[in-house]
C-alpha cells in the first residue's frame, strides 16, 4: 500500500526496540523503551504558509531522524509499525 503524507507530515519507520540490555538481560515487551529513532519513508509537500506558499521539508526519504518518545501517531501499513509525525516533532537527523 502506498501512503503519501499531507502538508508537513512525515512517515517514519521506527527502529526496533532493544531486545536485551548491554549486560545480556532479555527485556519483556512491557519493559522495552519506545523507539525514538527511525527512517523517513515518505514526506509530504511541505507546510502551507499564510501567504499560500509551500515551504520545502528539511528531511527527505531515507534520512535517519530522532523524534520525541510520544510524538506523532502510530499506524500499521502492511502489518508493520510506522509513525506519522509533523516536521516540527522531529528533533534532528543523522548526517
N, C-alpha and C. Protein backbone atom coordinates (compact mmCIF):
# COMPACT_ATOMS: atom_id res chain seq x y z
N UNK A 1 0.85 -1.17 0.00
CA UNK A 1 0.00 0.00 0.00
C UNK A 1 0.89 1.23 0.00
N UNK A 2 0.60 2.18 -0.86
CA UNK A 2 1.35 3.43 -0.93
C UNK A 2 0.66 4.49 -0.08
N UNK A 3 1.44 5.19 0.72
CA UNK A 3 0.90 6.24 1.59
C UNK A 3 1.67 7.52 1.30
N UNK A 4 0.94 8.60 1.05
CA UNK A 4 1.56 9.90 0.83
C UNK A 4 1.08 10.85 1.93
N UNK A 5 1.99 11.31 2.80
CA UNK A 5 1.60 12.25 3.85
C UNK A 5 1.17 13.58 3.26
N UNK A 6 0.32 14.28 3.98
CA UNK A 6 -0.16 15.59 3.56
C UNK A 6 0.58 16.69 4.31
N UNK A 7 0.63 17.87 3.70
CA UNK A 7 1.24 19.07 4.29
C UNK A 7 2.64 18.80 4.83
N UNK A 8 2.89 19.14 6.12
CA UNK A 8 4.23 18.99 6.69
C UNK A 8 4.38 17.69 7.47
N UNK A 9 3.59 16.70 7.13
CA UNK A 9 3.67 15.41 7.83
C UNK A 9 4.71 14.50 7.17
N UNK A 10 5.28 13.63 8.01
CA UNK A 10 6.35 12.74 7.55
C UNK A 10 6.06 11.35 8.07
N UNK A 11 6.21 10.35 7.21
CA UNK A 11 6.00 8.95 7.57
C UNK A 11 7.36 8.35 7.91
N UNK A 12 7.47 7.79 9.12
CA UNK A 12 8.74 7.25 9.62
C UNK A 12 8.54 5.80 10.04
N UNK A 13 9.50 4.95 9.69
CA UNK A 13 9.51 3.57 10.16
C UNK A 13 10.45 3.53 11.36
N UNK A 14 9.92 3.31 12.56
CA UNK A 14 10.76 3.31 13.77
C UNK A 14 11.74 2.13 13.78
N UNK A 15 12.89 2.34 14.43
CA UNK A 15 13.83 1.25 14.65
C UNK A 15 13.21 0.29 15.65
N UNK A 16 13.63 -0.95 15.60
CA UNK A 16 13.14 -1.95 16.54
C UNK A 16 13.65 -1.64 17.94
N UNK A 17 12.80 -1.90 18.94
CA UNK A 17 13.20 -1.70 20.34
C UNK A 17 14.24 -2.75 20.71
N UNK A 18 15.13 -2.39 21.62
CA UNK A 18 16.17 -3.31 22.07
C UNK A 18 15.56 -4.55 22.71
N UNK A 19 16.04 -5.72 22.32
CA UNK A 19 15.55 -6.99 22.87
C UNK A 19 16.20 -7.32 24.21
N UNK A 20 17.48 -6.90 24.37
CA UNK A 20 18.15 -7.15 25.64
C UNK A 20 19.11 -6.02 25.97
N UNK A 21 19.49 -5.96 27.24
CA UNK A 21 20.39 -4.90 27.70
C UNK A 21 21.82 -5.23 27.31
N UNK A 22 22.72 -4.26 27.50
CA UNK A 22 24.13 -4.49 27.19
C UNK A 22 24.70 -5.61 28.05
N UNK A 23 24.13 -5.81 29.23
CA UNK A 23 24.59 -6.87 30.14
C UNK A 23 24.03 -8.24 29.78
N UNK A 24 23.13 -8.31 28.78
CA UNK A 24 22.61 -9.59 28.33
C UNK A 24 21.25 -9.97 28.90
N UNK A 25 20.62 -9.08 29.65
CA UNK A 25 19.30 -9.38 30.22
C UNK A 25 18.24 -9.18 29.15
N UNK A 26 17.43 -10.20 28.92
CA UNK A 26 16.36 -10.12 27.91
C UNK A 26 15.19 -9.34 28.50
N UNK A 27 14.72 -8.34 27.75
CA UNK A 27 13.65 -7.46 28.22
C UNK A 27 12.27 -7.96 27.78
N UNK A 28 11.29 -7.98 28.68
CA UNK A 28 9.92 -8.30 28.26
C UNK A 28 9.32 -7.11 27.51
N UNK A 29 8.24 -7.32 26.78
CA UNK A 29 7.61 -6.26 25.98
C UNK A 29 7.32 -5.01 26.82
N UNK A 30 6.82 -5.19 28.04
CA UNK A 30 6.42 -4.05 28.87
C UNK A 30 7.61 -3.19 29.29
N UNK A 31 8.80 -3.76 29.35
CA UNK A 31 9.98 -3.03 29.82
C UNK A 31 10.74 -2.34 28.70
N UNK A 32 10.41 -2.62 27.46
CA UNK A 32 11.14 -2.02 26.33
C UNK A 32 10.78 -0.54 26.20
N UNK A 33 11.79 0.26 25.93
CA UNK A 33 11.57 1.69 25.66
C UNK A 33 10.97 1.86 24.28
N UNK A 34 10.10 2.86 24.15
CA UNK A 34 9.57 3.18 22.82
C UNK A 34 10.71 3.73 21.98
N UNK A 35 10.81 3.30 20.72
CA UNK A 35 11.90 3.83 19.88
C UNK A 35 11.73 5.32 19.62
N UNK A 36 12.85 6.03 19.55
CA UNK A 36 12.82 7.47 19.27
C UNK A 36 13.65 7.80 18.03
N UNK A 37 14.03 6.77 17.28
CA UNK A 37 14.77 6.95 16.04
C UNK A 37 14.10 6.15 14.95
N UNK A 38 14.25 6.60 13.72
CA UNK A 38 13.68 5.86 12.62
C UNK A 38 14.14 6.39 11.28
N UNK A 39 13.64 5.74 10.22
CA UNK A 39 14.00 6.12 8.86
C UNK A 39 12.79 6.73 8.17
N UNK A 40 12.99 7.85 7.49
CA UNK A 40 11.91 8.52 6.77
C UNK A 40 11.54 7.68 5.55
N UNK A 41 10.24 7.36 5.45
CA UNK A 41 9.73 6.53 4.37
C UNK A 41 9.04 7.39 3.31
N UNK A 42 8.33 8.43 3.74
CA UNK A 42 7.63 9.32 2.81
C UNK A 42 7.54 10.71 3.44
N UNK A 43 7.51 11.74 2.57
CA UNK A 43 7.47 13.13 3.02
C UNK A 43 6.36 13.86 2.28
N UNK A 44 5.59 14.67 3.02
CA UNK A 44 4.55 15.49 2.41
C UNK A 44 5.14 16.65 1.64
N UNK A 45 4.31 17.42 0.93
CA UNK A 45 4.81 18.51 0.10
C UNK A 45 5.35 19.71 0.88
N UNK A 46 5.07 19.82 2.16
CA UNK A 46 5.58 20.94 2.96
C UNK A 46 4.44 21.74 3.55
N UNK A 47 4.77 22.56 4.53
CA UNK A 47 3.79 23.36 5.23
C UNK A 47 3.31 24.52 4.35
N UNK A 48 2.03 24.79 4.42
CA UNK A 48 1.44 25.90 3.67
C UNK A 48 1.51 27.15 4.55
N UNK A 49 2.15 28.20 4.04
CA UNK A 49 2.29 29.45 4.81
C UNK A 49 1.01 30.28 4.69
N UNK A 50 0.94 31.35 5.47
CA UNK A 50 -0.21 32.26 5.41
C UNK A 50 -0.32 32.94 4.05
N UNK A 51 0.80 33.06 3.35
CA UNK A 51 0.81 33.68 2.03
C UNK A 51 0.39 32.71 0.93
N UNK A 52 0.13 31.44 1.31
CA UNK A 52 -0.31 30.45 0.34
C UNK A 52 0.82 29.73 -0.38
N UNK A 53 2.04 29.86 0.12
CA UNK A 53 3.19 29.18 -0.49
C UNK A 53 3.60 28.00 0.38
N UNK A 54 4.19 27.01 -0.24
CA UNK A 54 4.66 25.83 0.49
C UNK A 54 6.14 25.99 0.84
N UNK A 55 6.49 25.63 2.08
CA UNK A 55 7.89 25.61 2.48
C UNK A 55 8.40 24.19 2.29
N UNK A 56 9.54 24.03 1.68
CA UNK A 56 10.10 22.70 1.41
C UNK A 56 10.49 22.02 2.71
N UNK A 57 10.19 20.73 2.85
CA UNK A 57 10.59 19.99 4.05
C UNK A 57 12.12 19.90 4.16
N UNK A 58 12.62 19.81 5.39
CA UNK A 58 14.07 19.74 5.60
C UNK A 58 14.58 18.31 5.64
N UNK A 59 13.69 17.32 5.61
CA UNK A 59 14.11 15.92 5.57
C UNK A 59 13.66 15.31 4.25
N UNK A 60 14.31 14.21 3.87
CA UNK A 60 13.93 13.53 2.64
C UNK A 60 13.86 12.02 2.91
N UNK A 61 13.30 11.29 1.99
CA UNK A 61 13.18 9.85 2.12
C UNK A 61 14.57 9.24 2.29
N UNK A 62 14.69 8.35 3.27
CA UNK A 62 15.97 7.69 3.55
C UNK A 62 16.74 8.30 4.70
N UNK A 63 16.39 9.53 5.13
CA UNK A 63 17.07 10.16 6.27
C UNK A 63 16.76 9.40 7.56
N UNK A 64 17.76 9.32 8.44
CA UNK A 64 17.57 8.76 9.78
C UNK A 64 17.31 9.94 10.70
N UNK A 65 16.22 9.87 11.48
CA UNK A 65 15.81 11.01 12.31
C UNK A 65 15.59 10.59 13.76
N UNK A 66 15.60 11.60 14.63
CA UNK A 66 15.30 11.43 16.05
C UNK A 66 14.05 12.25 16.35
N UNK A 67 13.10 11.65 17.05
CA UNK A 67 11.84 12.32 17.37
C UNK A 67 11.47 12.05 18.82
N UNK A 68 10.47 12.75 19.33
CA UNK A 68 10.05 12.59 20.72
C UNK A 68 9.43 11.23 20.99
N UNK A 69 9.57 10.77 22.22
CA UNK A 69 9.09 9.44 22.61
C UNK A 69 7.59 9.27 22.37
N UNK A 70 6.81 10.30 22.62
CA UNK A 70 5.36 10.20 22.46
C UNK A 70 4.85 11.04 21.30
N UNK A 71 5.72 11.38 20.36
CA UNK A 71 5.36 12.23 19.22
C UNK A 71 4.60 11.42 18.16
N UNK A 72 3.79 12.11 17.41
CA UNK A 72 3.13 11.51 16.25
C UNK A 72 2.04 10.52 16.57
N UNK A 73 1.56 9.87 15.52
CA UNK A 73 0.51 8.86 15.63
C UNK A 73 1.05 7.53 15.11
N UNK A 74 0.79 6.46 15.86
CA UNK A 74 1.20 5.13 15.45
C UNK A 74 0.18 4.56 14.48
N UNK A 75 0.67 4.00 13.36
CA UNK A 75 -0.21 3.34 12.40
C UNK A 75 0.48 2.07 11.91
N UNK A 76 -0.31 1.18 11.32
CA UNK A 76 0.26 -0.03 10.71
C UNK A 76 0.02 0.04 9.22
N UNK A 77 1.06 -0.23 8.45
CA UNK A 77 0.97 -0.29 7.00
C UNK A 77 1.52 -1.65 6.59
N UNK A 78 0.69 -2.44 5.95
CA UNK A 78 1.06 -3.81 5.55
C UNK A 78 1.59 -4.61 6.74
N UNK A 79 0.98 -4.41 7.92
CA UNK A 79 1.35 -5.17 9.11
C UNK A 79 2.59 -4.67 9.83
N UNK A 80 3.21 -3.58 9.36
CA UNK A 80 4.42 -3.05 10.00
C UNK A 80 4.13 -1.71 10.66
N UNK A 81 4.74 -1.51 11.83
CA UNK A 81 4.55 -0.27 12.59
C UNK A 81 5.21 0.91 11.90
N UNK A 82 4.50 2.04 11.86
CA UNK A 82 5.02 3.30 11.34
C UNK A 82 4.50 4.43 12.21
N UNK A 83 5.09 5.59 12.06
CA UNK A 83 4.63 6.80 12.75
C UNK A 83 4.41 7.89 11.71
N UNK A 84 3.35 8.66 11.92
CA UNK A 84 3.16 9.87 11.13
C UNK A 84 3.43 11.04 12.07
N UNK A 85 4.42 11.86 11.71
CA UNK A 85 4.85 12.99 12.55
C UNK A 85 4.72 14.28 11.76
N UNK A 86 4.54 15.37 12.47
CA UNK A 86 4.70 16.69 11.85
C UNK A 86 6.20 16.97 11.82
N UNK A 87 6.61 17.76 10.86
CA UNK A 87 8.04 18.06 10.74
C UNK A 87 8.57 18.70 12.02
N UNK A 88 7.75 19.48 12.71
CA UNK A 88 8.19 20.14 13.94
C UNK A 88 8.43 19.16 15.09
N UNK A 89 7.93 17.92 14.98
CA UNK A 89 8.14 16.92 16.02
C UNK A 89 9.45 16.17 15.86
N UNK A 90 10.15 16.43 14.76
CA UNK A 90 11.46 15.80 14.53
C UNK A 90 12.52 16.72 15.12
N UNK A 91 13.36 16.17 16.00
CA UNK A 91 14.36 16.97 16.68
C UNK A 91 15.64 17.12 15.87
N UNK A 92 16.07 16.04 15.19
CA UNK A 92 17.34 16.07 14.47
C UNK A 92 17.37 14.96 13.43
N UNK A 93 18.34 15.09 12.53
CA UNK A 93 18.58 14.00 11.59
C UNK A 93 20.06 13.66 11.62
N UNK A 94 20.37 12.39 11.38
CA UNK A 94 21.76 11.95 11.35
C UNK A 94 22.40 12.37 10.04
N UNK A 95 23.67 12.77 10.09
CA UNK A 95 24.36 13.20 8.88
C UNK A 95 25.36 12.17 8.44
